[in-house]
Amino acid sequence: MKLTSQENIAQSEKEFIDTINAELDWEAIEKLLFEKHKFTLQEDIDYKNGNLIVYKDNIAYKFDFEIKVPLSVIFNREGECLEISTLRDDFEKESEESLMIEDEDAIPPDKNFMPDDKTGQMASNIADMISEINEEDE
């Protein structure tokens, strides 16, 4: 003897999962994600699926999302990676960390620009200023 239909149960379970999903604390999730993987989330987070599962002999909820991760890569004129970071500029964290890959033997940028190469000269000046700032931090 059935007490209700499978469709009613499935619909109620979906509504229950949707209610939990709507109440997730995304600041806490982002903090955990940063602590574990050292990256931050973009605003575009796609909910894919939610379900009730058994995890290590306990009832649990599993939610699947697809996320976009910001990625910044800095490399010099020789193509050597200087820095790679998955942090957003506006992500506030007491100890912001990024993955740094430094090559102390890197050749400094060529400073012999033509006088009419204003963009190249400006880029060189900015690179020099950044190098000076980085040297002060060491």
C-alpha atoms as a PDB file:
ATOM      1  CA  MET A   1       0.000   0.000   0.000  1.00  0.00           C
ATOM      2  CA  LYS A   2       1.486   3.361  -1.104  1.00  0.00           C
ATOM      3  CA  LEU A   3       1.157   6.297   1.254  1.00  0.00           C
ATOM      4  CA  THR A   4       2.103   8.889  -1.378  1.00  0.00           C
ATOM      5  CA  SER A   5       3.345   9.007  -4.952  1.00  0.00           C
ATOM      6  CA  GLN A   6       6.971   8.929  -6.051  1.00  0.00           C
ATOM      7  CA  GLU A   7       6.418  12.261  -7.790  1.00  0.00           C
ATOM      8  CA  ASN A   8       5.325  13.906  -4.508  1.00  0.00           C
ATOM      9  CA  ILE A   9       8.363  12.546  -2.686  1.00  0.00           C
ATOM     10  CA  ALA A  10      10.749  13.602  -5.462  1.00  0.00           C
ATOM     11  CA  GLN A  11       9.214  17.116  -5.614  1.00  0.00           C
ATOM     12  CA  SER A  12       9.375  17.513  -1.820  1.00  0.00           C
ATOM     13  CA  GLU A  13      13.009  16.346  -1.741  1.00  0.00           C
ATOM     14  CA  LYS A  14      13.890  18.825  -4.513  1.00  0.00           C
ATOM     15  CA  GLU A  15      12.201  21.695  -2.629  1.00  0.00           C
ATOM     16  CA  PHE A  16      14.023  20.675   0.560  1.00  0.00           C
ATOM     17  CA  ILE A  17      17.420  20.647  -1.198  1.00  0.00           C
ATOM     18  CA  ASP A  18      16.643  23.988  -2.897  1.00  0.00           C
ATOM     19  CA  THR A  19      15.808  25.523   0.494  1.00  0.00           C
ATOM     20  CA  ILE A  20      19.136  24.393   1.958  1.00  0.00           C
ATOM     21  CA  ASN A  21      21.003  25.615  -1.144  1.00  0.00           C
ATOM     22  CA  ALA A  22      19.406  29.054  -0.826  1.00  0.00           C
ATOM     23  CA  GLU A  23      20.680  29.369   2.752  1.00  0.00           C
ATOM     24  CA  LEU A  24      24.333  28.447   2.135  1.00  0.00           C
ATOM     25  CA  ASP A  25      26.849  30.879   3.644  1.00  0.00           C
ATOM     26  CA  TRP A  26      28.965  31.800   0.611  1.00  0.00           C
ATOM     27  CA  GLU A  27      31.404  33.872   2.671  1.00  0.00           C
ATOM     28  CA  ALA A  28      32.199  30.779   4.744  1.00  0.00           C
ATOM     29  CA  ILE A  29      32.461  28.618   1.616  1.00  0.00           C
ATOM     30  CA  GLU A  30      34.807  31.137  -0.012  1.00  0.00           C
ATOM     31  CA  LYS A  31      36.952  31.246   3.141  1.00  0.00           C
ATOM     32  CA  LEU A  32      37.219  27.437   3.235  1.00  0.00           C
ATOM     33  CA  LEU A  33      38.017  27.346  -0.475  1.00  0.00           C
ATOM     34  CA  PHE A  34      40.761  29.932  -0.010  1.00  0.00           C
ATOM     35  CA  GLU A  35      42.258  28.095   2.973  1.00  0.00           C
ATOM     36  CA  LYS A  36      42.274  24.745   1.184  1.00  0.00           C
ATOM     37  CA  HIS A  37      43.052  25.712  -2.426  1.00  0.00           C
ATOM     38  CA  LYS A  38      44.321  29.315  -2.203  1.00  0.00           C
ATOM     39  CA  PHE A  39      41.839  30.777  -4.656  1.00  0.00           C
ATOM     40  CA  THR A  40      38.771  32.947  -4.630  1.00  0.00           C
ATOM     41  CA  LEU A  41      35.452  32.719  -6.426  1.00  0.00           C
ATOM     42  CA  GLN A  42      33.985  34.870  -9.133  1.00  0.00           C
ATOM     43  CA  GLU A  43      30.333  35.793  -8.887  1.00  0.00           C
ATOM     44  CA  ASP A  44      29.337  33.285 -11.583  1.00  0.00           C
ATOM     45  CA  ILE A  45      28.613  30.089  -9.650  1.00  0.00           C
ATOM     46  CA  ASP A  46      26.424  27.551 -11.409  1.00  0.00           C
ATOM     47  CA  TYR A  47      24.403  25.181  -9.229  1.00  0.00           C
ATOM     48  CA  LYS A  48      24.371  21.771 -10.890  1.00  0.00           C
ATOM     49  CA  ASN A  49      22.880  19.306  -8.419  1.00  0.00           C
ATOM     50  CA  GLY A  50      21.993  18.724  -4.800  1.00  0.00           C
ATOM     51  CA  ASN A  51      21.247  15.496  -3.017  1.00  0.00           C
ATOM     52  CA  LEU A  52      20.888  13.739   0.295  1.00  0.00           C
ATOM     53  CA  ILE A  53      23.683  11.171   0.740  1.00  0.00           C
ATOM     54  CA  VAL A  54      25.315   8.908   3.315  1.00  0.00           C
ATOM     55  CA  TYR A  55      28.860  10.076   4.057  1.00  0.00           C
ATOM     56  CA  LYS A  56      30.979   8.060   6.494  1.00  0.00           C
ATOM     57  CA  ASP A  57      27.858   6.494   8.032  1.00  0.00           C
ATOM     58  CA  ASN A  58      26.149   9.888   8.464  1.00  0.00           C
ATOM     59  CA  ILE A  59      23.334  11.590   6.610  1.00  0.00           C
ATOM     60  CA  ALA A  60      24.803  14.516   4.640  1.00  0.00           C
ATOM     61  CA  TYR A  61      23.976  16.907   1.822  1.00  0.00           C
ATOM     62  CA  LYS A  62      26.027  17.074  -1.341  1.00  0.00           C
ATOM     63  CA  PHE A  63      25.852  20.104  -3.623  1.00  0.00           C
ATOM     64  CA  ASP A  64      27.658  20.292  -6.946  1.00  0.00           C
ATOM     65  CA  PHE A  65      28.604  23.648  -8.437  1.00  0.00           C
ATOM     66  CA  GLU A  66      30.669  24.865 -11.334  1.00  0.00           C
ATOM     67  CA  ILE A  67      32.745  27.895 -10.496  1.00  0.00           C
ATOM     68  CA  LYS A  68      34.912  30.379 -12.314  1.00  0.00           C
ATOM     69  CA  VAL A  69      38.233  31.246 -10.766  1.00  0.00           C
ATOM     70  CA  PRO A  70      40.080  34.484 -11.492  1.00  0.00           C
ATOM     71  CA  LEU A  71      43.605  33.913 -12.728  1.00  0.00           C
ATOM     72  CA  SER A  72      46.388  36.452 -13.122  1.00  0.00           C
ATOM     73  CA  VAL A  73      49.707  35.485 -14.662  1.00  0.00           C
ATOM     74  CA  ILE A  74      52.713  37.802 -14.773  1.00  0.00           C
ATOM     75  CA  PHE A  75      55.738  36.952 -16.870  1.00  0.00           C
ATOM     76  CA  ASN A  76      58.767  38.879 -18.093  1.00  0.00           C
ATOM     77  CA  ARG A  77      59.962  39.603 -21.606  1.00  0.00           C
ATOM     78  CA  GLU A  78      61.862  36.345 -21.657  1.00  0.00           C
ATOM     79  CA  GLY A  79      58.634  34.444 -21.018  1.00  0.00           C
ATOM     80  CA  GLU A  80      59.541  33.417 -17.459  1.00  0.00           C
ATOM     81  CA  CYS A  81      56.689  33.298 -14.981  1.00  0.00           C
ATOM     82  CA  LEU A  82      57.118  35.893 -12.241  1.00  0.00           C
ATOM     83  CA  GLU A  83      53.808  35.440 -10.430  1.00  0.00           C
ATOM     84  CA  ILE A  84      50.603  33.483 -10.710  1.00  0.00           C
ATOM     85  CA  SER A  85      47.651  34.379  -8.553  1.00  0.00           C
ATOM     86  CA  THR A  86      44.067  33.254  -8.196  1.00  0.00           C
ATOM     87  CA  LEU A  87      43.101  36.104  -5.867  1.00  0.00           C
ATOM     88  CA  ARG A  88      40.603  38.792  -6.764  1.00  0.00           C
ATOM     89  CA  ASP A  89      41.844  42.342  -6.282  1.00  0.00           C
ATOM     90  CA  ASP A  90      38.929  43.053  -3.940  1.00  0.00           C
ATOM     91  CA  PHE A  91      39.282  39.896  -1.828  1.00  0.00           C
ATOM     92  CA  GLU A  92      39.923  41.020   1.715  1.00  0.00           C
ATOM     93  CA  LYS A  93      41.965  38.552   3.715  1.00  0.00           C
ATOM     94  CA  GLU A  94      44.299  39.262   6.618  1.00  0.00           C
ATOM     95  CA  SER A  95      47.138  37.314   5.070  1.00  0.00           C
ATOM     96  CA  GLU A  96      46.670  37.485   1.304  1.00  0.00           C
ATOM     97  CA  GLU A  97      48.851  34.866  -0.266  1.00  0.00           C
ATOM     98  CA  SER A  98      49.625  34.111  -3.864  1.00  0.00           C
ATOM     99  CA  LEU A  99      51.750  31.546  -5.570  1.00  0.00           C
ATOM    100  CA  MET A 100      55.034  33.227  -6.340  1.00  0.00           C
ATOM    101  CA  ILE A 101      57.535  31.812  -8.761  1.00  0.00           C
ATOM    102  CA  GLU A 102      60.677  33.899  -8.795  1.00  0.00           C
ATOM    103  CA  ASP A 103      63.796  33.537 -10.874  1.00  0.00           C
ATOM    104  CA  GLU A 104      66.669  35.459  -9.346  1.00  0.00           C
ATOM    105  CA  ASP A 105      68.768  34.963 -12.472  1.00  0.00           C
ATOM    106  CA  ALA A 106      66.184  36.633 -14.709  1.00  0.00           C
ATOM    107  CA  ILE A 107      67.597  39.118 -17.177  1.00  0.00           C
ATOM    108  CA  PRO A 108      66.330  42.651 -16.520  1.00  0.00           C
ATOM    109  CA  PRO A 109      64.108  44.145 -19.233  1.00  0.00           C
ATOM    110  CA  ASP A 110      65.825  45.815 -22.178  1.00  0.00           C
ATOM    111  CA  LYS A 111      65.877  49.581 -21.622  1.00  0.00           C
ATOM    112  CA  ASN A 112      67.090  50.516 -25.104  1.00  0.00           C
ATOM    113  CA  PHE A 113      63.891  51.838 -26.641  1.00  0.00           C
ATOM    114  CA  MET A 114      63.543  54.128 -29.606  1.00  0.00           C
ATOM    115  CA  PRO A 115      62.630  57.701 -28.548  1.00  0.00           C
ATOM    116  CA  ASP A 116      59.244  57.412 -30.257  1.00  0.00           C
ATOM    117  CA  ASP A 117      58.406  54.154 -28.424  1.00  0.00           C
ATOM    118  CA  LYS A 118      56.532  55.914 -25.592  1.00  0.00           C
ATOM    119  CA  THR A 119      54.430  52.884 -24.654  1.00  0.00           C
ATOM    120  CA  GLY A 120      57.487  50.667 -24.376  1.00  0.00           C
ATOM    121  CA  GLN A 121      59.319  53.276 -22.321  1.00  0.00           C
ATOM    122  CA  MET A 122      56.325  53.681 -19.986  1.00  0.00           C
ATOM    123  CA  ALA A 123      56.103  49.900 -19.562  1.00  0.00           C
ATOM    124  CA  SER A 124      59.807  49.769 -18.791  1.00  0.00           C
ATOM    125  CA  ASN A 125      59.456  52.548 -16.213  1.00  0.00           C
ATOM    126  CA  ILE A 126      56.538  50.760 -14.548  1.00  0.00           C
ATOM    127  CA  ALA A 127      58.501  47.487 -14.497  1.00  0.00           C
ATOM    128  CA  ASP A 128      61.452  49.290 -12.886  1.00  0.00           C
ATOM    129  CA  MET A 129      59.186  50.812 -10.218  1.00  0.00           C
ATOM    130  CA  ILE A 130      57.638  47.419  -9.443  1.00  0.00           C
ATOM    131  CA  SER A 131      61.090  45.852  -9.199  1.00  0.00           C
ATOM    132  CA  GLU A 132      62.149  48.536  -6.751  1.00  0.00           C
ATOM    133  CA  ILE A 133      59.023  47.966  -4.637  1.00  0.00           C
ATOM    134  CA  ASN A 134      59.608  44.199  -4.634  1.00  0.00           C
ATOM    135  CA  GLU A 135      63.248  44.696  -3.599  1.00  0.00           C
ATOM    136  CA  GLU A 136      62.112  46.884  -0.680  1.00  0.00           C
ATOM    137  CA  ASP A 137      59.739  44.119   0.484  1.00  0.00           C
ATOM    138  CA  GLU A 138      62.568  41.539   0.610  1.00  0.00           C
END
